[in-house]
């Protein structure tokens, strides 16, 4: 939902060797946007609407970066309210995410002061925290698929 074209979605999801394999088997294949596949999925309409609601509430341009998406998944995977050590891993991944975002902003704006960069990071993080909270909610909808 954050990526503009089917080609960009394919580049986000697949490795270069996977893309080469796809293109060798189906020359000229352009791919299909996730949103189109999602609409055609054999899922009850009320579940599609709920998922669509959750997905569209989690819209931010920085989510086009695969490293950001990977960190978000790791943060969710290593969350366990009953295990302090596992939660520490999640917190470490969140710190890495914060640093990665700061590096991305710094590369885009080479001449900004450090505090200005951190201000931009701190405005992005709440949107990402919202998306991180949404991921387990989507997983919770799974029983409604049956």
C-alpha atoms as a PDB file:
ATOM      1  CA  UNK A   1       0.000   0.000   0.000  1.00  0.00           C
ATOM      2  CA  UNK A   2       3.021   2.249   0.454  1.00  0.00           C
ATOM      3  CA  UNK A   3       4.701   1.329  -2.829  1.00  0.00           C
ATOM      4  CA  UNK A   4       3.649   3.025  -6.061  1.00  0.00           C
ATOM      5  CA  UNK A   5       3.896   0.359  -8.764  1.00  0.00           C
ATOM      6  CA  UNK A   6       3.787  -3.400  -9.233  1.00  0.00           C
ATOM      7  CA  UNK A   7       7.404  -3.313 -10.432  1.00  0.00           C
ATOM      8  CA  UNK A   8       8.506  -1.489  -7.257  1.00  0.00           C
ATOM      9  CA  UNK A   9       6.545  -3.980  -5.126  1.00  0.00           C
ATOM     10  CA  UNK A  10       8.296  -6.870  -6.868  1.00  0.00           C
ATOM     11  CA  UNK A  11      11.695  -5.235  -6.253  1.00  0.00           C
ATOM     12  CA  UNK A  12      10.748  -4.814  -2.588  1.00  0.00           C
ATOM     13  CA  UNK A  13       9.611  -8.425  -2.109  1.00  0.00           C
ATOM     14  CA  UNK A  14      11.913 -10.492  -4.335  1.00  0.00           C
ATOM     15  CA  UNK A  15      15.681 -10.809  -4.489  1.00  0.00           C
ATOM     16  CA  UNK A  16      17.440 -10.038  -7.771  1.00  0.00           C
ATOM     17  CA  UNK A  17      17.905 -13.767  -8.456  1.00  0.00           C
ATOM     18  CA  UNK A  18      14.166 -14.368  -7.871  1.00  0.00           C
ATOM     19  CA  UNK A  19      13.313 -11.530 -10.251  1.00  0.00           C
ATOM     20  CA  UNK A  20      15.671 -12.950 -12.881  1.00  0.00           C
ATOM     21  CA  UNK A  21      14.010 -16.354 -12.534  1.00  0.00           C
ATOM     22  CA  UNK A  22      10.523 -14.859 -12.850  1.00  0.00           C
ATOM     23  CA  UNK A  23      11.524 -12.841 -15.906  1.00  0.00           C
ATOM     24  CA  UNK A  24      13.202 -15.823 -17.579  1.00  0.00           C
ATOM     25  CA  UNK A  25      10.065 -17.948 -17.134  1.00  0.00           C
ATOM     26  CA  UNK A  26       7.605 -15.221 -18.096  1.00  0.00           C
ATOM     27  CA  UNK A  27       9.260 -12.582 -20.301  1.00  0.00           C
ATOM     28  CA  UNK A  28       7.360  -9.318 -20.205  1.00  0.00           C
ATOM     29  CA  UNK A  29       5.575 -10.128 -16.921  1.00  0.00           C
ATOM     30  CA  UNK A  30       4.807  -6.828 -15.217  1.00  0.00           C
ATOM     31  CA  UNK A  31       3.553  -8.139 -11.900  1.00  0.00           C
ATOM     32  CA  UNK A  32       0.334  -7.328 -10.081  1.00  0.00           C
ATOM     33  CA  UNK A  33      -0.123  -4.799  -7.294  1.00  0.00           C
ATOM     34  CA  UNK A  34      -0.708  -6.300  -3.864  1.00  0.00           C
ATOM     35  CA  UNK A  35      -3.914  -4.300  -3.557  1.00  0.00           C
ATOM     36  CA  UNK A  36      -5.332  -6.047  -6.668  1.00  0.00           C
ATOM     37  CA  UNK A  37      -4.351  -9.495  -5.402  1.00  0.00           C
ATOM     38  CA  UNK A  38      -5.827  -8.630  -2.020  1.00  0.00           C
ATOM     39  CA  UNK A  39      -9.165  -7.603  -3.549  1.00  0.00           C
ATOM     40  CA  UNK A  40      -9.393 -10.940  -5.418  1.00  0.00           C
ATOM     41  CA  UNK A  41      -8.413 -13.078  -2.405  1.00  0.00           C
ATOM     42  CA  UNK A  42     -10.995 -15.630  -1.201  1.00  0.00           C
ATOM     43  CA  UNK A  43     -11.437 -13.895   2.155  1.00  0.00           C
ATOM     44  CA  UNK A  44     -14.781 -12.826   3.636  1.00  0.00           C
ATOM     45  CA  UNK A  45     -15.605  -9.227   2.742  1.00  0.00           C
ATOM     46  CA  UNK A  46     -15.794  -8.040   6.374  1.00  0.00           C
ATOM     47  CA  UNK A  47     -12.249  -9.367   6.978  1.00  0.00           C
ATOM     48  CA  UNK A  48     -10.976  -7.638   3.821  1.00  0.00           C
ATOM     49  CA  UNK A  49     -12.516  -4.377   5.004  1.00  0.00           C
ATOM     50  CA  UNK A  50     -10.898  -4.715   8.443  1.00  0.00           C
ATOM     51  CA  UNK A  51      -7.511  -5.550   6.940  1.00  0.00           C
ATOM     52  CA  UNK A  52      -7.816  -2.712   4.449  1.00  0.00           C
ATOM     53  CA  UNK A  53      -8.653  -0.378   7.329  1.00  0.00           C
ATOM     54  CA  UNK A  54      -5.564  -1.499   9.246  1.00  0.00           C
ATOM     55  CA  UNK A  55      -3.283  -1.327   6.209  1.00  0.00           C
ATOM     56  CA  UNK A  56      -4.359   2.137   5.143  1.00  0.00           C
ATOM     57  CA  UNK A  57      -3.932   3.455   8.690  1.00  0.00           C
ATOM     58  CA  UNK A  58      -0.309   2.348   8.435  1.00  0.00           C
ATOM     59  CA  UNK A  59       0.790   4.523   5.546  1.00  0.00           C
ATOM     60  CA  UNK A  60       4.164   6.249   5.598  1.00  0.00           C
ATOM     61  CA  UNK A  61       6.698   6.748   2.776  1.00  0.00           C
ATOM     62  CA  UNK A  62       9.525   5.359   4.915  1.00  0.00           C
ATOM     63  CA  UNK A  63       7.845   1.943   4.784  1.00  0.00           C
ATOM     64  CA  UNK A  64       9.050   1.667   1.180  1.00  0.00           C
ATOM     65  CA  UNK A  65      12.476   0.902   2.622  1.00  0.00           C
ATOM     66  CA  UNK A  66      12.920  -2.879   3.038  1.00  0.00           C
ATOM     67  CA  UNK A  67      15.317  -2.470   5.971  1.00  0.00           C
ATOM     68  CA  UNK A  68      12.692  -0.478   7.881  1.00  0.00           C
ATOM     69  CA  UNK A  69      10.116  -3.200   7.164  1.00  0.00           C
ATOM     70  CA  UNK A  70      12.547  -5.898   8.304  1.00  0.00           C
ATOM     71  CA  UNK A  71      13.271  -4.098  11.582  1.00  0.00           C
ATOM     72  CA  UNK A  72       9.541  -3.666  12.218  1.00  0.00           C
ATOM     73  CA  UNK A  73       8.950  -7.392  11.731  1.00  0.00           C
ATOM     74  CA  UNK A  74      11.825  -8.254  14.074  1.00  0.00           C
ATOM     75  CA  UNK A  75      10.462  -5.879  16.707  1.00  0.00           C
ATOM     76  CA  UNK A  76       7.104  -7.669  16.558  1.00  0.00           C
ATOM     77  CA  UNK A  77       8.601 -11.172  16.474  1.00  0.00           C
ATOM     78  CA  UNK A  78      10.698 -10.497  19.575  1.00  0.00           C
ATOM     79  CA  UNK A  79       7.891  -9.075  21.694  1.00  0.00           C
ATOM     80  CA  UNK A  80       6.820 -11.277  24.570  1.00  0.00           C
ATOM     81  CA  UNK A  81       5.264  -9.792  27.696  1.00  0.00           C
ATOM     82  CA  UNK A  82       6.316 -12.862  29.705  1.00  0.00           C
ATOM     83  CA  UNK A  83       9.998 -12.882  28.696  1.00  0.00           C
ATOM     84  CA  UNK A  84      12.231  -9.960  29.653  1.00  0.00           C
ATOM     85  CA  UNK A  85      15.223 -11.154  27.593  1.00  0.00           C
ATOM     86  CA  UNK A  86      13.128 -11.476  24.442  1.00  0.00           C
ATOM     87  CA  UNK A  87      11.703  -7.985  25.001  1.00  0.00           C
ATOM     88  CA  UNK A  88      15.240  -6.655  25.334  1.00  0.00           C
ATOM     89  CA  UNK A  89      15.930  -7.972  21.839  1.00  0.00           C
ATOM     90  CA  UNK A  90      12.845  -6.153  20.586  1.00  0.00           C
ATOM     91  CA  UNK A  91      14.073  -2.938  22.212  1.00  0.00           C
ATOM     92  CA  UNK A  92      17.510  -3.394  20.634  1.00  0.00           C
ATOM     93  CA  UNK A  93      15.897  -3.756  17.203  1.00  0.00           C
ATOM     94  CA  UNK A  94      13.899  -0.588  17.868  1.00  0.00           C
ATOM     95  CA  UNK A  95      17.154   1.242  18.659  1.00  0.00           C
ATOM     96  CA  UNK A  96      18.646  -0.087  15.403  1.00  0.00           C
ATOM     97  CA  UNK A  97      15.536   1.094  13.558  1.00  0.00           C
ATOM     98  CA  UNK A  98      15.908   4.574  15.050  1.00  0.00           C
ATOM     99  CA  UNK A  99      19.581   4.694  13.984  1.00  0.00           C
ATOM    100  CA  UNK A 100      18.755   3.425  10.487  1.00  0.00           C
ATOM    101  CA  UNK A 101      16.123   6.136  10.025  1.00  0.00           C
ATOM    102  CA  UNK A 102      18.564   8.793  11.271  1.00  0.00           C
ATOM    103  CA  UNK A 103      21.142   7.546   8.741  1.00  0.00           C
ATOM    104  CA  UNK A 104      18.566   7.657   5.937  1.00  0.00           C
ATOM    105  CA  UNK A 105      17.584  11.230   6.824  1.00  0.00           C
ATOM    106  CA  UNK A 106      21.227  12.261   7.176  1.00  0.00           C
ATOM    107  CA  UNK A 107      22.054  10.872   3.707  1.00  0.00           C
ATOM    108  CA  UNK A 108      19.102  12.731   2.187  1.00  0.00           C
ATOM    109  CA  UNK A 109      19.961  15.986   3.963  1.00  0.00           C
ATOM    110  CA  UNK A 110      23.748  16.024   4.326  1.00  0.00           C
ATOM    111  CA  UNK A 111      23.943  19.559   5.630  1.00  0.00           C
ATOM    112  CA  UNK A 112      21.440  19.423   8.483  1.00  0.00           C
ATOM    113  CA  UNK A 113      22.436  19.703  12.116  1.00  0.00           C
ATOM    114  CA  UNK A 114      22.356  16.533  14.223  1.00  0.00           C
ATOM    115  CA  UNK A 115      19.512  17.822  16.430  1.00  0.00           C
ATOM    116  CA  UNK A 116      17.370  18.622  13.376  1.00  0.00           C
ATOM    117  CA  UNK A 117      17.887  15.092  12.073  1.00  0.00           C
ATOM    118  CA  UNK A 118      16.858  13.622  15.434  1.00  0.00           C
ATOM    119  CA  UNK A 119      13.748  15.835  15.454  1.00  0.00           C
ATOM    120  CA  UNK A 120      12.753  14.331  12.101  1.00  0.00           C
ATOM    121  CA  UNK A 121      13.405  10.814  13.428  1.00  0.00           C
ATOM    122  CA  UNK A 122      11.239  11.491  16.465  1.00  0.00           C
ATOM    123  CA  UNK A 123       8.353  12.640  14.252  1.00  0.00           C
ATOM    124  CA  UNK A 124       8.557   9.453  12.142  1.00  0.00           C
ATOM    125  CA  UNK A 125       8.797   6.975  15.024  1.00  0.00           C
ATOM    126  CA  UNK A 126       5.213   7.382  16.340  1.00  0.00           C
ATOM    127  CA  UNK A 127       3.844   6.469  12.893  1.00  0.00           C
ATOM    128  CA  UNK A 128       6.062   3.393  12.823  1.00  0.00           C
ATOM    129  CA  UNK A 129       5.079   2.441  16.376  1.00  0.00           C
ATOM    130  CA  UNK A 130       1.453   2.571  15.250  1.00  0.00           C
ATOM    131  CA  UNK A 131       2.276   0.195  12.383  1.00  0.00           C
ATOM    132  CA  UNK A 132       4.195  -2.111  14.721  1.00  0.00           C
ATOM    133  CA  UNK A 133       1.118  -2.347  16.965  1.00  0.00           C
ATOM    134  CA  UNK A 134      -1.077  -3.148  13.966  1.00  0.00           C
ATOM    135  CA  UNK A 135       0.918  -6.169  12.755  1.00  0.00           C
ATOM    136  CA  UNK A 136      -0.255  -8.499  15.579  1.00  0.00           C
ATOM    137  CA  UNK A 137      -3.832  -7.230  15.110  1.00  0.00           C
ATOM    138  CA  UNK A 138      -3.729  -8.443  11.513  1.00  0.00           C
ATOM    139  CA  UNK A 139      -2.532 -11.828  12.691  1.00  0.00           C
ATOM    140  CA  UNK A 140      -5.463 -11.915  15.112  1.00  0.00           C
ATOM    141  CA  UNK A 141      -7.908 -11.761  12.197  1.00  0.00           C
ATOM    142  CA  UNK A 142      -6.745 -15.166  10.931  1.00  0.00           C
ATOM    143  CA  UNK A 143      -9.578 -17.214  12.564  1.00  0.00           C
ATOM    144  CA  UNK A 144     -12.080 -15.069  10.638  1.00  0.00           C
ATOM    145  CA  UNK A 145     -10.655 -16.367   7.333  1.00  0.00           C
ATOM    146  CA  UNK A 146     -12.123 -19.828   7.888  1.00  0.00           C
END
